[in-house]
């Protein structure tokens, strides 16, 4: 997409308490200009709107974004993703401003695992270590032993001594998948992603019947009934790599459909069908990811806020399991 194609709409002016802007600004050009002035880097998750992805310096999954955040030489990090991702970037870069276009861009997994409750849960299993999926708050990371992502969870579990007992939080579906792949028994926190739990096995089977040549690819956050029917299971980046390398031309995609933008950019000749939710809503789209818009991205860079602010002690404690993850992922 050319930068000249992206312009704001008059309706986008309505942000409470925020200085308005010319509704006919070319926002893409303004964002590029501000990025140079600030010496900023824009990191975006695959689930962001396509116009944000097209402006990002780097697009990736949680592991890739963490690695980029750790390595960046920029003075300011603009994180087009959700809150826990921006927190992770801040933990890895405590001396740099980290801006998030919308502070309300949260995560059902993170919200479903409050640190005080996980701490009490942990007390029931004193001989267990805690491996937490990166989709959790900074406070949960601070009481975890190791962090993982869907890209590296199996690899990390396989590096843990077999006699070491494990609590896996907060995603039970990813935890169950890791148990099956690694052969390890783990105590699971009973959390789940609101997007990946919406996919309908019945509707997916109907799609497979209607598209017999299509492969079903799924993220391990999906329910076991969906994963059991999948031709390939992988992280967001894993799914992208799979469809790019596959000789097949049709795919049913059981994850947030934002990834399809990159799939089509890399494979314009292939067909990608978003897996449908059980209801007729757009529940297969992450409502948190979609809170970030190009207008909010521009405003956060123009006003240099909202900024991620974390307690220093929490950041120091959360850094330890994050660094363990990055080291174990090499």
Protein backbone atom coordinates (compact mmCIF):
# COMPACT_ATOMS: atom_id res chain seq x y z
CA UNK A 1 0.00 0.00 0.00
CA UNK A 2 1.35 3.42 -0.93
CA UNK A 3 1.59 5.93 1.90
CA UNK A 4 -0.46 8.36 -0.15
CA UNK A 5 -3.37 5.91 0.01
CA UNK A 6 -3.74 6.19 3.78
CA UNK A 7 -5.67 9.20 5.03
CA UNK A 8 -7.73 9.76 8.13
CA UNK A 9 -11.47 10.25 8.13
CA UNK A 10 -13.31 13.14 9.82
CA UNK A 11 -15.01 10.69 12.20
CA UNK A 12 -11.63 9.76 13.65
CA UNK A 13 -11.32 13.13 15.39
CA UNK A 14 -13.38 12.10 18.41
CA UNK A 15 -10.82 11.17 21.06
CA UNK A 16 -11.82 12.46 24.49
CA UNK A 17 -9.42 15.01 25.93
CA UNK A 18 -7.04 14.84 22.95
CA UNK A 19 -6.14 17.80 20.78
CA UNK A 20 -7.85 17.27 17.39
CA UNK A 21 -5.99 17.10 14.09
CA UNK A 22 -6.69 17.94 10.47
CA UNK A 23 -8.95 15.09 9.27
CA UNK A 24 -7.35 15.21 5.83
CA UNK A 25 -3.76 14.71 6.97
CA UNK A 26 -1.89 11.95 5.22
CA UNK A 27 -1.35 9.96 8.39
CA UNK A 28 1.14 7.52 6.93
CA UNK A 29 3.43 10.33 5.82
CA UNK A 30 3.06 12.08 9.20
CA UNK A 31 3.89 8.87 11.08
CA UNK A 32 7.00 8.30 8.96
CA UNK A 33 8.05 11.91 9.58
CA UNK A 34 7.51 11.64 13.34
CA UNK A 35 9.38 8.33 13.44
CA UNK A 36 12.48 10.01 11.98
CA UNK A 37 12.20 13.00 14.32
CA UNK A 38 11.88 10.76 17.39
CA UNK A 39 14.38 8.12 16.23
CA UNK A 40 11.60 5.66 16.97
CA UNK A 41 10.95 2.09 15.91
CA UNK A 42 7.43 0.79 15.25
CA UNK A 43 6.93 -2.83 16.28
CA UNK A 44 3.65 -4.43 15.20
CA UNK A 45 2.02 -7.79 15.85
CA UNK A 46 0.58 -9.82 12.99
CA UNK A 47 -2.92 -9.25 14.38
CA UNK A 48 -2.84 -5.48 13.87
CA UNK A 49 -4.82 -3.75 11.13
CA UNK A 50 -3.17 -4.09 7.73
CA UNK A 51 -2.46 -0.36 7.38
CA UNK A 52 -0.51 -0.43 10.66
CA UNK A 53 1.39 -3.54 9.57
CA UNK A 54 2.39 -1.73 6.38
CA UNK A 55 3.93 1.13 8.39
CA UNK A 56 5.79 -1.03 10.90
CA UNK A 57 9.57 -1.44 10.92
CA UNK A 58 9.12 -4.99 12.12
CA UNK A 59 6.11 -7.32 12.18
CA UNK A 60 6.23 -10.51 14.18
CA UNK A 61 4.83 -12.83 16.81
CA UNK A 62 5.47 -12.42 20.54
CA UNK A 63 8.90 -14.09 20.51
CA UNK A 64 10.13 -12.18 17.47
CA UNK A 65 8.86 -8.88 18.88
CA UNK A 66 10.58 -9.56 22.21
CA UNK A 67 13.83 -10.26 20.39
CA UNK A 68 13.48 -7.08 18.34
CA UNK A 69 12.69 -5.04 21.46
CA UNK A 70 15.81 -6.39 23.14
CA UNK A 71 18.02 -5.55 20.15
CA UNK A 72 16.66 -2.17 19.05
CA UNK A 73 18.95 0.87 18.91
CA UNK A 74 16.01 3.29 18.62
CA UNK A 75 15.44 5.95 21.27
CA UNK A 76 11.68 5.33 21.44
CA UNK A 77 9.65 2.14 20.96
CA UNK A 78 6.16 2.42 19.51
CA UNK A 79 4.38 -0.86 20.15
CA UNK A 80 1.40 -1.61 17.94
CA UNK A 81 0.12 -4.61 19.83
CA UNK A 82 -1.45 -5.24 23.21
CA UNK A 83 -0.51 -4.15 26.71
CA UNK A 84 1.51 -7.17 27.83
CA UNK A 85 3.67 -6.89 24.67
CA UNK A 86 4.44 -3.23 25.34
CA UNK A 87 5.19 -4.11 28.98
CA UNK A 88 7.65 -6.74 27.77
CA UNK A 89 9.40 -4.17 25.59
CA UNK A 90 9.61 -1.80 28.57
CA UNK A 91 11.04 -4.53 30.83
CA UNK A 92 13.72 -5.22 28.22
CA UNK A 93 14.36 -1.48 27.73
CA UNK A 94 13.79 0.17 31.13
CA UNK A 95 15.53 3.40 30.09
CA UNK A 96 13.52 3.98 26.91
CA UNK A 97 10.01 5.34 26.45
CA UNK A 98 7.59 2.66 25.21
CA UNK A 99 4.36 4.02 23.72
CA UNK A 100 1.15 2.04 23.12
CA UNK A 101 -1.53 3.64 20.90
CA UNK A 102 -4.36 2.52 23.22
CA UNK A 103 -3.75 1.52 26.85
CA UNK A 104 -7.03 -0.42 26.82
CA UNK A 105 -5.56 -2.89 24.33
CA UNK A 106 -5.37 -5.72 26.82
CA UNK A 107 -5.56 -9.53 26.60
CA UNK A 108 -8.12 -11.98 27.94
CA UNK A 109 -5.35 -14.39 28.96
CA UNK A 110 -3.51 -11.71 30.93
CA UNK A 111 -6.72 -10.45 32.54
CA UNK A 112 -7.74 -13.98 33.48
CA UNK A 113 -4.59 -14.61 35.49
CA UNK A 114 -4.14 -11.92 38.18
CA UNK A 115 -0.77 -12.13 39.95
CA UNK A 116 -2.24 -12.42 43.50
CA UNK A 117 -4.34 -15.44 42.46
CA UNK A 118 -1.43 -17.10 40.64
CA UNK A 119 0.71 -16.53 43.74
CA UNK A 120 -1.86 -18.37 45.89
CA UNK A 121 -2.13 -21.12 43.28
CA UNK A 122 1.66 -21.42 43.29
CA UNK A 123 1.67 -21.92 47.09
CA UNK A 124 -0.30 -25.16 46.63
CA UNK A 125 2.59 -26.61 44.60
CA UNK A 126 5.78 -25.53 46.40
CA UNK A 127 7.97 -28.01 44.51
CA UNK A 128 6.84 -26.72 41.09
CA UNK A 129 8.45 -24.04 38.94
CA UNK A 130 6.20 -21.62 37.05
CA UNK A 131 6.50 -21.35 33.29
CA UNK A 132 4.25 -18.57 32.06
CA UNK A 133 3.11 -17.91 28.53
CA UNK A 134 4.19 -14.40 27.53
CA UNK A 135 0.50 -13.40 27.34
CA UNK A 136 0.52 -12.31 30.99
CA UNK A 137 1.07 -9.16 33.01
CA UNK A 138 4.43 -7.85 34.20
CA UNK A 139 3.36 -8.79 37.75
CA UNK A 140 2.81 -12.43 36.69
CA UNK A 141 6.15 -12.47 34.87
CA UNK A 142 7.76 -11.23 38.09
CA UNK A 143 6.61 -14.35 40.00
CA UNK A 144 7.40 -16.76 37.16
CA UNK A 145 10.59 -18.77 36.67
CA UNK A 146 10.62 -18.84 32.87
CA UNK A 147 8.54 -17.15 30.17
CA UNK A 148 7.66 -18.87 26.90
CA UNK A 149 5.77 -18.12 23.70
CA UNK A 150 3.83 -20.41 21.38
CA UNK A 151 6.92 -20.44 19.15
CA UNK A 152 9.26 -21.84 21.78
CA UNK A 153 7.08 -23.43 24.49
CA UNK A 154 7.82 -27.04 23.55
CA UNK A 155 11.54 -26.34 23.14
CA UNK A 156 11.71 -24.66 26.55
CA UNK A 157 9.79 -27.44 28.33
CA UNK A 158 12.13 -30.00 26.78
CA UNK A 159 15.09 -28.21 28.37
CA UNK A 160 13.65 -28.56 31.88
CA UNK A 161 14.93 -31.59 33.87
CA UNK A 162 12.37 -34.40 33.70
CA UNK A 163 12.10 -34.65 37.49
CA UNK A 164 11.23 -30.94 37.82
CA UNK A 165 7.49 -30.38 38.32
CA UNK A 166 5.89 -27.54 36.38
CA UNK A 167 2.97 -25.13 36.65
CA UNK A 168 2.04 -23.77 33.22
CA UNK A 169 0.06 -20.52 33.07
CA UNK A 170 -2.17 -18.96 31.90
CA UNK A 171 -3.33 -20.76 28.70
CA UNK A 172 -4.72 -24.25 29.28
CA UNK A 173 -5.02 -24.97 25.54
CA UNK A 174 -1.39 -24.16 24.80
CA UNK A 175 -0.40 -26.03 27.98
CA UNK A 176 -2.34 -29.11 26.90
CA UNK A 177 -0.75 -28.97 23.45
CA UNK A 178 2.74 -28.68 24.97
CA UNK A 179 2.04 -31.66 27.24
CA UNK A 180 1.07 -33.76 24.23
CA UNK A 181 4.14 -32.73 22.22
CA UNK A 182 6.67 -33.03 25.07
CA UNK A 183 5.20 -35.95 26.99
CA UNK A 184 5.48 -33.90 30.18
CA UNK A 185 2.77 -33.69 32.81
CA UNK A 186 2.07 -30.15 34.03
CA UNK A 187 -0.35 -28.39 36.35
CA UNK A 188 -2.36 -26.00 34.17
CA UNK A 189 -3.86 -22.64 35.06
CA UNK A 190 -7.33 -22.66 33.51
CA UNK A 191 -7.12 -19.61 31.26
CA UNK A 192 -8.01 -19.28 27.59
CA UNK A 193 -7.93 -16.78 24.71
CA UNK A 194 -11.39 -15.41 23.89
CA UNK A 195 -10.54 -15.39 20.17
CA UNK A 196 -9.08 -18.86 19.81
CA UNK A 197 -11.88 -20.41 21.86
CA UNK A 198 -14.54 -19.07 19.50
CA UNK A 199 -13.64 -21.22 16.51
CA UNK A 200 -16.39 -23.65 15.66
CA UNK A 201 -15.41 -27.27 14.96
CA UNK A 202 -18.75 -27.77 13.21
CA UNK A 203 -18.31 -24.77 10.90
CA UNK A 204 -14.65 -25.65 10.22
CA UNK A 205 -15.64 -29.18 9.21
CA UNK A 206 -18.27 -27.70 6.89
CA UNK A 207 -15.59 -25.45 5.36
CA UNK A 208 -13.30 -28.45 4.89
CA UNK A 209 -16.10 -30.33 3.14
CA UNK A 210 -16.75 -27.34 0.84
CA UNK A 211 -13.00 -26.85 0.21
CA UNK A 212 -11.58 -30.40 0.09
CA UNK A 213 -8.16 -29.25 -1.11
CA UNK A 214 -7.70 -26.73 1.73
CA UNK A 215 -5.42 -27.50 4.67
CA UNK A 216 -6.57 -26.51 8.16
CA UNK A 217 -3.83 -24.64 10.02
CA UNK A 218 -4.32 -23.68 13.66
CA UNK A 219 -2.68 -21.82 16.51
CA UNK A 220 -2.11 -23.98 19.64
CA UNK A 221 -4.29 -21.59 21.68
CA UNK A 222 -7.29 -23.20 19.92
CA UNK A 223 -9.46 -25.80 21.64
CA UNK A 224 -8.39 -29.45 21.39
CA UNK A 225 -11.39 -30.25 19.15
CA UNK A 226 -10.03 -27.82 16.54
CA UNK A 227 -6.39 -28.89 16.95
CA UNK A 228 -7.31 -32.56 16.50
CA UNK A 229 -8.60 -31.73 13.00
CA UNK A 230 -5.67 -29.51 12.00
CA UNK A 231 -3.20 -30.40 9.26
CA UNK A 232 -0.61 -28.10 10.86
CA UNK A 233 -0.37 -26.49 14.30
CA UNK A 234 2.02 -23.63 14.96
CA UNK A 235 2.67 -20.16 16.31
CA UNK A 236 1.65 -17.13 14.27
CA UNK A 237 5.03 -16.99 12.56
CA UNK A 238 4.99 -20.77 12.20
CA UNK A 239 1.67 -20.60 10.34
CA UNK A 240 3.04 -17.90 8.04
CA UNK A 241 6.16 -19.92 7.27
CA UNK A 242 4.12 -23.09 6.69
CA UNK A 243 1.78 -21.59 4.08
CA UNK A 244 4.72 -19.94 2.32
CA UNK A 245 6.69 -23.20 2.08
CA UNK A 246 3.70 -25.46 1.35
CA UNK A 247 2.97 -26.67 -2.16
CA UNK A 248 -0.75 -26.41 -1.36
CA UNK A 249 -2.70 -23.36 -2.49
CA UNK A 250 -5.71 -23.27 -0.15
CA UNK A 251 -5.75 -22.90 3.64
CA UNK A 252 -8.34 -22.53 6.37
CA UNK A 253 -6.72 -20.30 8.99
CA UNK A 254 -7.71 -20.89 12.63
CA UNK A 255 -6.18 -17.89 14.31
CA UNK A 256 -6.83 -14.14 14.39
CA UNK A 257 -7.35 -13.16 10.73
CA UNK A 258 -4.92 -10.22 10.89
CA UNK A 259 -2.17 -12.67 9.89
CA UNK A 260 -3.85 -13.22 6.53
CA UNK A 261 -2.60 -9.80 5.36
CA UNK A 262 1.00 -11.05 5.57
CA UNK A 263 0.08 -14.44 4.15
CA UNK A 264 -1.37 -12.77 1.06
CA UNK A 265 1.57 -10.38 0.70
CA UNK A 266 3.96 -13.34 0.65
CA UNK A 267 1.65 -15.64 -1.32
CA UNK A 268 -0.69 -13.57 -3.54
CA UNK A 269 -1.55 -16.60 -5.66
CA UNK A 270 -2.85 -18.63 -2.70
CA UNK A 271 -6.28 -18.65 -1.03
CA UNK A 272 -6.75 -18.10 2.71
CA UNK A 273 -10.11 -18.69 4.40
CA UNK A 274 -10.59 -17.34 7.95
CA UNK A 275 -11.92 -20.03 10.30
CA UNK A 276 -15.41 -19.00 11.43
CA UNK A 277 -16.54 -18.51 15.04
CA UNK A 278 -19.53 -20.40 16.46
CA UNK A 279 -21.81 -17.34 16.23
CA UNK A 280 -22.30 -14.92 13.35
CA UNK A 281 -20.27 -12.20 15.09
CA UNK A 282 -16.73 -11.09 14.20
CA UNK A 283 -15.46 -12.90 17.32
CA UNK A 284 -12.53 -14.38 15.41
CA UNK A 285 -11.05 -10.86 15.44
CA UNK A 286 -9.24 -9.85 18.62
CA UNK A 287 -11.17 -6.85 20.03
CA UNK A 288 -8.07 -5.76 21.96
CA UNK A 289 -5.70 -5.80 18.98
CA UNK A 290 -8.22 -3.89 16.91
CA UNK A 291 -8.35 -1.03 19.45
CA UNK A 292 -5.16 0.27 17.89
CA UNK A 293 -5.89 2.31 14.77
CA UNK A 294 -3.73 4.36 12.45
CA UNK A 295 -5.27 7.50 13.97
CA UNK A 296 -4.29 6.42 17.49
CA UNK A 297 -0.83 5.45 16.25
CA UNK A 298 -0.36 8.96 14.87
CA UNK A 299 -1.69 10.62 18.03
CA UNK A 300 0.51 8.61 20.37
CA UNK A 301 3.58 9.59 18.35
CA UNK A 302 2.51 13.22 18.06
CA UNK A 303 1.73 13.56 21.78
CA UNK A 304 4.35 11.02 23.00
CA UNK A 305 1.71 9.23 25.06
CA UNK A 306 0.24 7.00 26.37
CA UNK A 307 3.51 5.66 27.77
CA UNK A 308 4.01 2.34 29.56
CA UNK A 309 5.03 3.00 33.17
CA UNK A 310 6.01 0.07 35.38
CA UNK A 311 7.25 -0.33 38.93
CA UNK A 312 11.04 -0.62 38.91
CA UNK A 313 11.11 -3.62 41.25
CA UNK A 314 8.52 -5.46 39.14
CA UNK A 315 10.59 -4.78 36.02
CA UNK A 316 13.77 -6.17 37.60
CA UNK A 317 12.02 -9.35 38.75
CA UNK A 318 10.18 -9.83 35.44
CA UNK A 319 13.40 -9.38 33.48
CA UNK A 320 14.90 -12.58 34.94
CA UNK A 321 12.40 -15.09 33.41
CA UNK A 322 12.31 -13.10 30.16
CA UNK A 323 16.08 -13.29 29.81
CA UNK A 324 15.93 -17.02 30.56
CA UNK A 325 13.43 -17.40 27.72
CA UNK A 326 15.58 -15.44 25.26
CA UNK A 327 18.65 -17.47 26.20
CA UNK A 328 16.80 -20.79 25.93
CA UNK A 329 15.43 -19.75 22.52
CA UNK A 330 18.84 -19.36 20.89
